[in-house]
């Protein structure tokens, strides 16, 4: 379970007026200021939302890293650079764009080609 995301998940589901204790592994770790959970509160929905938020963070990290890697090779596709292997850089950058569009939790990063000057 993604305990660190439990308070965010509770808030994202529209609840307020609570604090958390312990490691947020069960509903008893949530202290409601009113003394009891709000009507309709569902722990399984909170856990599902926490998992969704954790996955989104992982996907965002994948996107961010891919954007950094693509930005680091922007120079390679400029027309006046004169690389003999510009196609290798285009392929590399296409693979990175795919990770930006469709991020994964555990990406296999493509290998950046070594520049071959013409």
Protein backbone atom coordinates (compact mmCIF):
# COMPACT_ATOMS: atom_id res chain seq x y z
CA UNK A 1 0.00 0.00 0.00
CA UNK A 2 1.13 3.58 -0.59
CA UNK A 3 0.83 4.91 2.95
CA UNK A 4 2.40 8.29 2.23
CA UNK A 5 -0.41 9.02 -0.24
CA UNK A 6 -3.28 8.21 2.15
CA UNK A 7 -3.76 11.81 3.42
CA UNK A 8 -3.66 13.12 -0.17
CA UNK A 9 -6.14 10.45 -1.25
CA UNK A 10 -8.56 11.33 1.55
CA UNK A 11 -8.39 15.00 0.56
CA UNK A 12 -8.68 14.19 -3.16
CA UNK A 13 -11.87 12.28 -2.40
CA UNK A 14 -13.34 15.44 -0.91
CA UNK A 15 -12.91 14.78 2.80
CA UNK A 16 -11.47 17.22 5.32
CA UNK A 17 -11.27 17.58 9.06
CA UNK A 18 -8.86 14.76 9.82
CA UNK A 19 -5.35 13.99 10.95
CA UNK A 20 -3.37 10.80 10.56
CA UNK A 21 -1.32 8.83 13.04
CA UNK A 22 0.90 5.84 12.68
CA UNK A 23 1.66 4.64 9.20
CA UNK A 24 -1.81 4.98 7.66
CA UNK A 25 -2.34 1.29 7.10
CA UNK A 26 -5.90 1.13 8.35
CA UNK A 27 -8.93 3.37 8.94
CA UNK A 28 -8.05 3.49 12.64
CA UNK A 29 -4.95 5.56 11.71
CA UNK A 30 -7.26 8.39 10.56
CA UNK A 31 -8.51 10.64 13.34
CA UNK A 32 -11.62 12.60 12.40
CA UNK A 33 -12.08 15.91 14.19
CA UNK A 34 -15.80 15.10 14.49
CA UNK A 35 -14.94 11.86 16.25
CA UNK A 36 -16.19 9.56 13.51
CA UNK A 37 -15.71 9.09 9.77
CA UNK A 38 -18.02 11.07 7.50
CA UNK A 39 -21.06 9.37 6.05
CA UNK A 40 -20.06 7.38 2.98
CA UNK A 41 -16.36 7.18 3.89
CA UNK A 42 -14.89 4.08 2.26
CA UNK A 43 -11.37 2.89 3.15
CA UNK A 44 -11.08 0.77 0.00
CA UNK A 45 -11.76 3.87 -2.12
CA UNK A 46 -9.03 5.72 -0.19
CA UNK A 47 -6.52 2.92 -0.80
CA UNK A 48 -7.43 2.80 -4.50
CA UNK A 49 -7.01 6.59 -4.79
CA UNK A 50 -3.65 6.42 -2.95
CA UNK A 51 -2.46 3.78 -5.40
CA UNK A 52 -3.63 5.91 -8.32
CA UNK A 53 -1.75 8.93 -6.95
CA UNK A 54 1.43 6.90 -6.38
CA UNK A 55 1.27 5.53 -9.93
CA UNK A 56 0.73 9.02 -11.32
CA UNK A 57 3.82 10.23 -9.50
CA UNK A 58 5.84 7.37 -11.00
CA UNK A 59 4.50 8.15 -14.48
CA UNK A 60 5.27 11.84 -14.00
CA UNK A 61 8.84 10.94 -13.04
CA UNK A 62 9.16 8.89 -16.25
CA UNK A 63 7.85 11.80 -18.33
CA UNK A 64 10.15 14.29 -16.61
CA UNK A 65 13.24 12.17 -17.17
CA UNK A 66 12.34 11.57 -20.82
CA UNK A 67 11.87 15.33 -21.32
CA UNK A 68 15.29 16.00 -19.78
CA UNK A 69 16.93 13.43 -22.03
CA UNK A 70 15.25 14.75 -25.17
CA UNK A 71 16.17 18.34 -24.30
CA UNK A 72 19.81 17.28 -23.86
CA UNK A 73 19.87 16.17 -27.50
CA UNK A 74 17.99 19.05 -29.11
CA UNK A 75 21.26 20.16 -30.68
CA UNK A 76 21.57 16.88 -32.58
CA UNK A 77 18.70 17.56 -34.98
CA UNK A 78 19.60 21.11 -35.95
CA UNK A 79 20.26 21.25 -39.70
CA UNK A 80 23.68 22.92 -39.41
CA UNK A 81 25.19 20.44 -36.92
CA UNK A 82 26.40 18.02 -39.57
CA UNK A 83 26.05 14.67 -37.88
CA UNK A 84 26.67 11.59 -39.95
CA UNK A 85 24.31 9.62 -37.69
CA UNK A 86 21.44 12.08 -37.36
CA UNK A 87 19.01 9.18 -38.02
CA UNK A 88 20.27 7.43 -34.87
CA UNK A 89 19.49 10.55 -32.86
CA UNK A 90 16.07 10.84 -34.47
CA UNK A 91 15.31 7.24 -33.50
CA UNK A 92 16.55 7.84 -29.94
CA UNK A 93 14.44 10.96 -29.61
CA UNK A 94 11.38 9.17 -31.02
CA UNK A 95 11.74 6.50 -28.32
CA UNK A 96 11.92 9.23 -25.67
CA UNK A 97 8.83 10.95 -27.10
CA UNK A 98 6.99 7.65 -26.82
CA UNK A 99 7.84 7.53 -23.09
CA UNK A 100 6.54 11.09 -22.73
CA UNK A 101 3.26 10.18 -24.44
CA UNK A 102 2.93 6.75 -22.78
CA UNK A 103 4.90 6.74 -19.51
CA UNK A 104 5.58 3.50 -17.70
CA UNK A 105 6.47 2.72 -14.09
CA UNK A 106 9.78 1.05 -14.94
CA UNK A 107 11.02 2.44 -18.24
CA UNK A 108 13.72 0.83 -20.34
CA UNK A 109 15.69 3.85 -21.41
CA UNK A 110 17.07 3.89 -24.94
CA UNK A 111 20.82 4.33 -25.28
CA UNK A 112 21.87 7.76 -26.47
CA UNK A 113 23.96 7.44 -29.62
CA UNK A 114 27.49 8.79 -29.77
CA UNK A 115 27.76 11.66 -32.23
CA UNK A 116 29.58 10.87 -35.45
CA UNK A 117 30.64 14.09 -37.10
CA UNK A 118 30.57 14.25 -40.88
